[in-house]
C-alpha atoms as a PDB file:
ATOM      1  CA  MET A   1     -34.209  22.115  29.566  1.00  0.00           C
ATOM      2  CA  CYS A   2     -35.753  19.280  31.900  1.00  0.00           C
ATOM      3  CA  ASN A   3     -35.863  20.121  34.840  1.00  0.00           C
ATOM      4  CA  GLY A   4     -37.148  16.622  36.349  1.00  0.00           C
ATOM      5  CA  PHE A   5     -40.970  18.391  36.447  1.00  0.00           C
ATOM      6  CA  SER A   6     -43.564  19.162  33.105  1.00  0.00           C
ATOM      7  CA  CYS A   7     -46.131  21.500  32.971  1.00  0.00           C
ATOM      8  CA  GLN A   8     -49.242  21.308  31.470  1.00  0.00           C
ATOM      9  CA  LEU A   9     -52.781  24.123  31.074  1.00  0.00           C
ATOM     10  CA  LYS A  10     -56.013  22.251  31.794  1.00  0.00           C
ATOM     11  CA  ASN A  11     -59.227  24.040  31.760  1.00  0.00           C
ATOM     12  CA  GLY A  12     -56.822  27.229  32.844  1.00  0.00           C
ATOM     13  CA  HIS A  13     -55.280  25.318  35.400  1.00  0.00           C
ATOM     14  CA  MET A  14     -51.437  24.673  35.353  1.00  0.00           C
ATOM     15  CA  ILE A  15     -50.857  20.795  36.007  1.00  0.00           C
ATOM     16  CA  VAL A  16     -47.152  19.872  37.275  1.00  0.00           C
ATOM     17  CA  GLY A  17     -46.582  16.852  36.893  1.00  0.00           C
ATOM     18  CA  VAL A  18     -43.152  14.879  37.565  1.00  0.00           C
ATOM     19  CA  ASP A  19     -40.485  13.368  34.680  1.00  0.00           C
ATOM     20  CA  LEU A  20     -39.733   9.959  35.387  1.00  0.00           C
ATOM     21  CA  PRO A  21     -37.357   9.540  33.428  1.00  0.00           C
ATOM     22  CA  CYS A  22     -35.216  12.209  34.090  1.00  0.00           C
ATOM     23  CA  ARG A  23     -35.205  11.290  37.718  1.00  0.00           C
ATOM     24  CA  LEU A  24     -34.988   8.121  37.233  1.00  0.00           C
ATOM     25  CA  PRO A  25     -31.486   6.732  34.752  1.00  0.00           C
ATOM     26  CA  GLN A  26     -33.011   3.623  33.109  1.00  0.00           C
ATOM     27  CA  GLU A  27     -30.980   0.303  34.580  1.00  0.00           C
ATOM     28  CA  HIS A  28     -28.952  -1.090  31.997  1.00  0.00           C
ATOM     29  CA  THR A  29     -28.637  -4.666  31.547  1.00  0.00           C
ATOM     30  CA  MET A  30     -25.821  -6.530  29.300  1.00  0.00           C
ATOM     31  CA  LEU A  31     -28.074  -9.511  28.903  1.00  0.00           C
ATOM     32  CA  SER A  32     -32.043  -8.924  29.081  1.00  0.00           C
ATOM     33  CA  SER A  33     -34.453 -11.173  30.285  1.00  0.00           C
ATOM     34  CA  LYS A  34     -36.033 -11.850  27.439  1.00  0.00           C
ATOM     35  CA  ALA A  35     -32.536 -12.818  25.900  1.00  0.00           C
ATOM     36  CA  LYS A  36     -31.884 -15.776  29.058  1.00  0.00           C
ATOM     37  CA  TYR A  37     -36.144 -16.578  29.009  1.00  0.00           C
ATOM     38  CA  ALA A  38     -35.410 -17.194  24.728  1.00  0.00           C
ATOM     39  CA  LEU A  39     -32.384 -18.958  24.968  1.00  0.00           C
ATOM     40  CA  ARG A  40     -33.828 -21.641  27.273  1.00  0.00           C
ATOM     41  CA  ALA A  41     -36.741 -21.808  25.184  1.00  0.00           C
ATOM     42  CA  VAL A  42     -34.232 -23.032  22.347  1.00  0.00           C
ATOM     43  CA  VAL A  43     -32.820 -25.414  24.047  1.00  0.00           C
ATOM     44  CA  CYS A  44     -35.643 -26.991  25.684  1.00  0.00           C
ATOM     45  CA  LEU A  45     -36.602 -27.363  21.225  1.00  0.00           C
ATOM     46  CA  ALA A  46     -32.960 -28.573  20.676  1.00  0.00           C
ATOM     47  CA  GLU A  47     -33.170 -31.778  22.817  1.00  0.00           C
ATOM     48  CA  HIS A  48     -36.607 -33.173  21.446  1.00  0.00           C
ATOM     49  CA  THR A  49     -35.196 -32.167  17.767  1.00  0.00           C
ATOM     50  CA  GLU A  50     -33.528 -35.663  17.096  1.00  0.00           C
ATOM     51  CA  ASP A  51     -37.055 -37.294  18.539  1.00  0.00           C
ATOM     52  CA  GLY A  52     -38.762 -35.234  15.150  1.00  0.00           C
ATOM     53  CA  ILE A  53     -41.294 -33.417  18.005  1.00  0.00           C
ATOM     54  CA  TRP A  54     -43.902 -29.836  17.967  1.00  0.00           C
ATOM     55  CA  LEU A  55     -43.937 -28.483  21.340  1.00  0.00           C
ATOM     56  CA  GLN A  56     -46.062 -26.625  22.227  1.00  0.00           C
ATOM     57  CA  THR A  57     -45.364 -23.147  23.637  1.00  0.00           C
ATOM     58  CA  GLY A  58     -46.803 -23.663  27.052  1.00  0.00           C
ATOM     59  CA  GLU A  59     -45.085 -26.948  26.961  1.00  0.00           C
ATOM     60  CA  VAL A  60     -41.939 -25.579  26.654  1.00  0.00           C
ATOM     61  CA  ALA A  61     -43.179 -22.534  28.856  1.00  0.00           C
ATOM     62  CA  GLU A  62     -43.748 -25.340  32.111  1.00  0.00           C
ATOM     63  CA  ARG A  63     -40.322 -26.990  32.138  1.00  0.00           C
ATOM     64  CA  GLU A  64     -38.161 -23.534  31.573  1.00  0.00           C
ATOM     65  CA  GLN A  65     -40.595 -21.951  34.243  1.00  0.00           C
ATOM     66  CA  VAL A  66     -41.236 -19.001  31.430  1.00  0.00           C
ATOM     67  CA  PRO A  67     -44.281 -16.629  31.087  1.00  0.00           C
ATOM     68  CA  ARG A  68     -46.580 -18.362  28.518  1.00  0.00           C
ATOM     69  CA  LYS A  69     -47.445 -14.946  27.189  1.00  0.00           C
ATOM     70  CA  PHE A  70     -43.901 -13.620  27.244  1.00  0.00           C
ATOM     71  CA  LEU A  71     -43.107 -16.215  25.298  1.00  0.00           C
ATOM     72  CA  GLU A  72     -45.477 -16.575  22.339  1.00  0.00           C
ATOM     73  CA  ALA A  73     -44.307 -13.078  21.603  1.00  0.00           C
ATOM     74  CA  ILE A  74     -40.173 -14.438  21.902  1.00  0.00           C
ATOM     75  CA  PHE A  75     -41.236 -17.517  20.016  1.00  0.00           C
ATOM     76  CA  VAL A  76     -42.790 -15.253  17.115  1.00  0.00           C
ATOM     77  CA  GLN A  77     -40.053 -13.260  16.161  1.00  0.00           C
ATOM     78  CA  LEU A  78     -37.757 -16.529  16.152  1.00  0.00           C
ATOM     79  CA  ARG A  79     -39.977 -17.943  13.402  1.00  0.00           C
ATOM     80  CA  ASP A  80     -40.193 -13.932  11.259  1.00  0.00           C
ATOM     81  CA  HIS A  81     -35.777 -14.397  11.378  1.00  0.00           C
ATOM     82  CA  GLY A  82     -36.025 -17.629  10.434  1.00  0.00           C
ATOM     83  CA  ILE A  83     -34.834 -19.517  13.991  1.00  0.00           C
ATOM     84  CA  LEU A  84     -37.955 -21.536  14.062  1.00  0.00           C
ATOM     85  CA  GLU A  85     -40.325 -23.151  12.363  1.00  0.00           C
ATOM     86  CA  SER A  86     -44.330 -23.383  13.155  1.00  0.00           C
ATOM     87  CA  ARG A  87     -47.263 -26.118  12.744  1.00  0.00           C
ATOM     88  CA  ARG A  88     -51.071 -25.096  13.600  1.00  0.00           C
ATOM     89  CA  GLY A  89     -52.678 -28.031  15.529  1.00  0.00           C
ATOM     90  CA  ALA A  90     -53.419 -29.859  18.554  1.00  0.00           C
ATOM     91  CA  GLN A  91     -50.721 -31.842  17.034  1.00  0.00           C
ATOM     92  CA  GLY A  92     -48.473 -28.139  16.400  1.00  0.00           C
ATOM     93  CA  GLY A  93     -46.230 -25.995  18.308  1.00  0.00           C
ATOM     94  CA  TYR A  94     -43.013 -25.109  17.219  1.00  0.00           C
ATOM     95  CA  ARG A  95     -39.678 -26.643  16.119  1.00  0.00           C
ATOM     96  CA  LEU A  96     -36.043 -25.608  14.981  1.00  0.00           C
ATOM     97  CA  LEU A  97     -35.502 -24.955  11.442  1.00  0.00           C
ATOM     98  CA  ARG A  98     -32.165 -25.874  11.500  1.00  0.00           C
ATOM     99  CA  GLN A  99     -29.721 -28.851  12.748  1.00  0.00           C
ATOM    100  CA  PRO A 100     -28.943 -26.665  16.966  1.00  0.00           C
ATOM    101  CA  ALA A 101     -25.195 -27.447  16.033  1.00  0.00           C
ATOM    102  CA  ALA A 102     -26.196 -25.349  12.856  1.00  0.00           C
ATOM    103  CA  ILE A 103     -27.400 -21.806  15.381  1.00  0.00           C
ATOM    104  CA  SER A 104     -24.993 -20.565  18.123  1.00  0.00           C
ATOM    105  CA  VAL A 105     -26.015 -18.543  21.337  1.00  0.00           C
ATOM    106  CA  ALA A 106     -24.794 -15.450  19.644  1.00  0.00           C
ATOM    107  CA  ASP A 107     -28.024 -15.817  16.792  1.00  0.00           C
ATOM    108  CA  ILE A 108     -30.239 -15.653  19.988  1.00  0.00           C
ATOM    109  CA  ILE A 109     -29.029 -12.738  21.618  1.00  0.00           C
ATOM    110  CA  ARG A 110     -29.024 -10.420  18.067  1.00  0.00           C
ATOM    111  CA  VAL A 111     -32.754 -11.354  17.301  1.00  0.00           C
ATOM    112  CA  VAL A 112     -33.361 -10.372  20.509  1.00  0.00           C
ATOM    113  CA  ASP A 113     -30.887  -8.406  21.931  1.00  0.00           C
ATOM    114  CA  GLY A 114     -29.206  -6.549  18.661  1.00  0.00           C
ATOM    115  CA  PRO A 115     -25.877  -6.262  18.037  1.00  0.00           C
ATOM    116  CA  LEU A 116     -23.427  -8.186  20.478  1.00  0.00           C
ATOM    117  CA  ALA A 117     -20.948  -5.292  20.193  1.00  0.00           C
ATOM    118  CA  LEU A 118     -21.048  -2.397  23.753  1.00  0.00           C
ATOM    119  CA  THR A 119     -20.827   0.512  21.444  1.00  0.00           C
ATOM    120  CA  PRO A 120     -23.132   1.093  17.613  1.00  0.00           C
ATOM    121  CA  CYS A 121     -20.036   1.666  15.792  1.00  0.00           C
ATOM    122  CA  ALA A 122     -18.442  -1.500  17.412  1.00  0.00           C
ATOM    123  CA  SER A 123     -20.769  -3.400  15.431  1.00  0.00           C
ATOM    124  CA  ARG A 124     -20.455  -5.886  13.046  1.00  0.00           C
ATOM    125  CA  THR A 125     -23.888  -6.626  12.069  1.00  0.00           C
ATOM    126  CA  ARG A 126     -25.328  -3.482  12.465  1.00  0.00           C
ATOM    127  CA  PHE A 127     -22.214  -0.311  12.364  1.00  0.00           C
ATOM    128  CA  ARG A 128     -22.992   2.745  12.804  1.00  0.00           C
ATOM    129  CA  GLN A 129     -21.610   5.812  13.905  1.00  0.00           C
ATOM    130  CA  CYS A 130     -22.242   6.655  17.549  1.00  0.00           C
ATOM    131  CA  PRO A 131     -24.658   9.664  17.577  1.00  0.00           C
ATOM    132  CA  ASP A 132     -22.595  11.684  20.399  1.00  0.00           C
ATOM    133  CA  CYS A 133     -19.263  10.653  18.343  1.00  0.00           C
ATOM    134  CA  VAL A 134     -18.112  14.100  16.611  1.00  0.00           C
ATOM    135  CA  GLU A 135     -15.110  11.959  14.459  1.00  0.00           C
ATOM    136  CA  ILE A 136     -15.298   8.550  14.252  1.00  0.00           C
ATOM    137  CA  GLY A 137     -11.786   8.478  13.078  1.00  0.00           C
ATOM    138  CA  LEU A 138      -9.690  10.753  15.307  1.00  0.00           C
ATOM    139  CA  CYS A 139     -11.992   7.846  18.313  1.00  0.00           C
ATOM    140  CA  ARG A 140      -9.270   5.997  20.571  1.00  0.00           C
ATOM    141  CA  LEU A 141     -12.736   4.890  22.143  1.00  0.00           C
ATOM    142  CA  GLN A 142     -13.139   2.437  19.235  1.00  0.00           C
ATOM    143  CA  PRO A 143     -10.575  -0.510  19.150  1.00  0.00           C
ATOM    144  CA  VAL A 144     -10.564  -1.171  22.652  1.00  0.00           C
ATOM    145  CA  MET A 145     -14.811  -2.165  21.808  1.00  0.00           C
ATOM    146  CA  GLN A 146     -14.079  -3.413  18.899  1.00  0.00           C
ATOM    147  CA  GLN A 147     -11.735  -6.198  20.720  1.00  0.00           C
ATOM    148  CA  ALA A 148     -14.271  -6.245  23.269  1.00  0.00           C
ATOM    149  CA  ARG A 149     -17.031  -7.340  21.237  1.00  0.00           C
ATOM    150  CA  ASN A 150     -14.193  -9.521  19.392  1.00  0.00           C
ATOM    151  CA  ALA A 151     -13.753 -11.418  22.499  1.00  0.00           C
ATOM    152  CA  VAL A 152     -17.891 -11.347  23.576  1.00  0.00           C
ATOM    153  CA  ALA A 153     -18.406 -13.243  20.078  1.00  0.00           C
ATOM    154  CA  ASP A 154     -15.251 -15.245  20.063  1.00  0.00           C
ATOM    155  CA  ILE A 155     -17.363 -17.328  22.593  1.00  0.00           C
ATOM    156  CA  LEU A 156     -21.016 -16.766  21.630  1.00  0.00           C
ATOM    157  CA  GLU A 157     -19.826 -17.270  17.634  1.00  0.00           C
ATOM    158  CA  ASN A 158     -18.793 -20.728  18.704  1.00  0.00           C
ATOM    159  CA  CYS A 159     -21.318 -22.030  21.549  1.00  0.00           C
ATOM    160  CA  SER A 160     -24.620 -24.165  20.019  1.00  0.00           C
ATOM    161  CA  LEU A 161     -27.388 -24.966  20.802  1.00  0.00           C
ATOM    162  CA  ALA A 162     -26.647 -28.111  20.561  1.00  0.00           C
ATOM    163  CA  GLN A 163     -23.387 -27.866  23.116  1.00  0.00           C
ATOM    164  CA  LEU A 164     -25.362 -26.280  25.222  1.00  0.00           C
ATOM    165  CA  ALA A 165     -28.880 -28.883  25.391  1.00  0.00           C
ATOM    166  CA  GLY A 166     -25.621 -31.993  26.170  1.00  0.00           C
ATOM    167  CA  ASN A 167     -24.745 -30.134  28.285  1.00  0.00           C
ATOM    168  CA  LYS A 168     -26.134 -31.439  31.275  1.00  0.00           C
ATOM    169  CA  GLU A 169     -24.169 -32.875  33.539  1.00  0.00           C
ATOM    170  CA  ARG A 170     -24.531 -30.944  37.142  1.00  0.00           C
ATOM    171  CA  PRO A 171     -21.885 -31.272  40.044  1.00  0.00           C
ATOM    172  CA  GLN A 172     -23.153 -33.815  42.711  1.00  0.00           C
ATOM    173  CA  GLN A 173     -24.105 -32.851  45.931  1.00  0.00           C
ATOM    174  CA  VAL A 174     -22.212 -34.273  48.574  1.00  0.00           C
ATOM    175  CA  LYS A 175     -24.033 -36.426  50.861  1.00  0.00           C
ATOM    176  CA  ALA A 176     -23.601 -35.721  54.520  1.00  0.00           C
ATOM    177  CA  LYS A 177     -23.012 -39.225  56.107  1.00  0.00           C
ATOM    178  CA  PRO A 178     -25.241 -40.651  59.098  1.00  0.00           C
ATOM    179  CA  THR A 179     -23.769 -39.836  62.398  1.00  0.00           C
ATOM    180  CA  ARG A 180     -24.691 -42.221  64.759  1.00  0.00           C
ATOM    181  CA  LYS A 181     -25.771 -42.603  68.311  1.00  0.00           C
ATOM    182  CA  ARG A 182     -22.605 -43.684  69.633  1.00  0.00           C
ATOM    183  CA  ASN A 183     -23.390 -45.478  74.057  1.00  0.00           C
ATOM    184  CA  PRO A 184     -21.644 -44.134  76.831  1.00  0.00           C
ATOM    185  CA  HIS A 185     -21.678 -47.160  78.773  1.00  0.00           C
ATOM    186  CA  ILE A 186     -19.553 -48.556  75.358  1.00  0.00           C
ATOM    187  CA  SER A 187     -17.597 -45.738  75.261  1.00  0.00           C
ATOM    188  CA  GLU A 188     -17.145 -45.976  78.608  1.00  0.00           C
ATOM    189  CA  THR A 189     -15.524 -49.358  78.644  1.00  0.00           C
ATOM    190  CA  LYS A 190     -13.220 -48.594  75.501  1.00  0.00           C
ATOM    191  CA  ARG A 191     -11.521 -45.845  76.939  1.00  0.00           C
ATOM    192  CA  HIS A 192     -10.653 -47.746  79.536  1.00  0.00           C
ATOM    193  CA  VAL A 193      -9.452 -51.099  77.148  1.00  0.00           C
ATOM    194  CA  ARG A 194      -7.797 -47.990  75.873  1.00  0.00           C
ATOM    195  CA  ARG A 195      -6.069 -46.646  78.885  1.00  0.00           C
ATOM    196  CA  GLY A 196      -5.614 -49.775  79.626  1.00  0.00           C
ATOM    197  CA  SER A 197      -3.500 -50.753  76.917  1.00  0.00           C
ATOM    198  CA  ASN A 198      -1.242 -47.696  77.239  1.00  0.00           C
ATOM    199  CA  ALA A 199      -0.207 -47.596  80.675  1.00  0.00           C
ATOM    200  CA  PRO A 200       3.115 -48.340  81.417  1.00  0.00           C
ATOM    201  CA  MET A 201       4.539 -51.283  81.986  1.00  0.00           C
ATOM    202  CA  SER A 202       5.455 -52.766  85.442  1.00  0.00           C
ATOM    203  CA  GLN A 203       9.658 -52.614  86.374  1.00  0.00           C
ATOM    204  CA  SER A 204       9.132 -56.933  86.590  1.00  0.00           C
ATOM    205  CA  MET A 205       7.556 -56.936  82.861  1.00  0.00           C
ATOM    206  CA  ARG A 206      10.389 -54.995  81.898  1.00  0.00           C
ATOM    207  CA  SER A 207      13.440 -56.314  83.044  1.00  0.00           C
ATOM    208  CA  ASN A 208      11.619 -59.785  81.186  1.00  0.00           C
END
């Protein structure tokens, strides 16, 4: 049983250490930073597909503000899964192996993060029974997880890199109009004019 500490003997002395995995639970994120970096990078490649040019890893990393070493590993992984192709040399680099319209957001996430489903038993690409499952046929949670998986997949599988690359519109910021400095003398004059125009009419003027 793990109690948060680990003990071992070394040269006749007992060494007590803290077992961090038992004390600190792992943080779970729905979409990893690696997947976000991958999506930003492939969208950058998709924007240059029509040009037929090869982009260097460093160039993409600088444009998308992604750590270069991290991006190199991502590109290799995507290349091994048939998403990218590479070419060596000064004029080489990476580019999409298929048209951006034929590659979905779900394709990238599956390569980097794995299945879209929240549980293994709800996955269509890597289905397996959950380790703690007693009887999958009697599980009441599986149908809900399948519905959640289908809802997410319906969006991500129908969103292509071409759509993301073409979505460049950003809401324009409304610029505040510059305030004009008022001349106190002019304002005072206008104030007197308004007061004079709004003054009540005299009795003689009313009779006319």
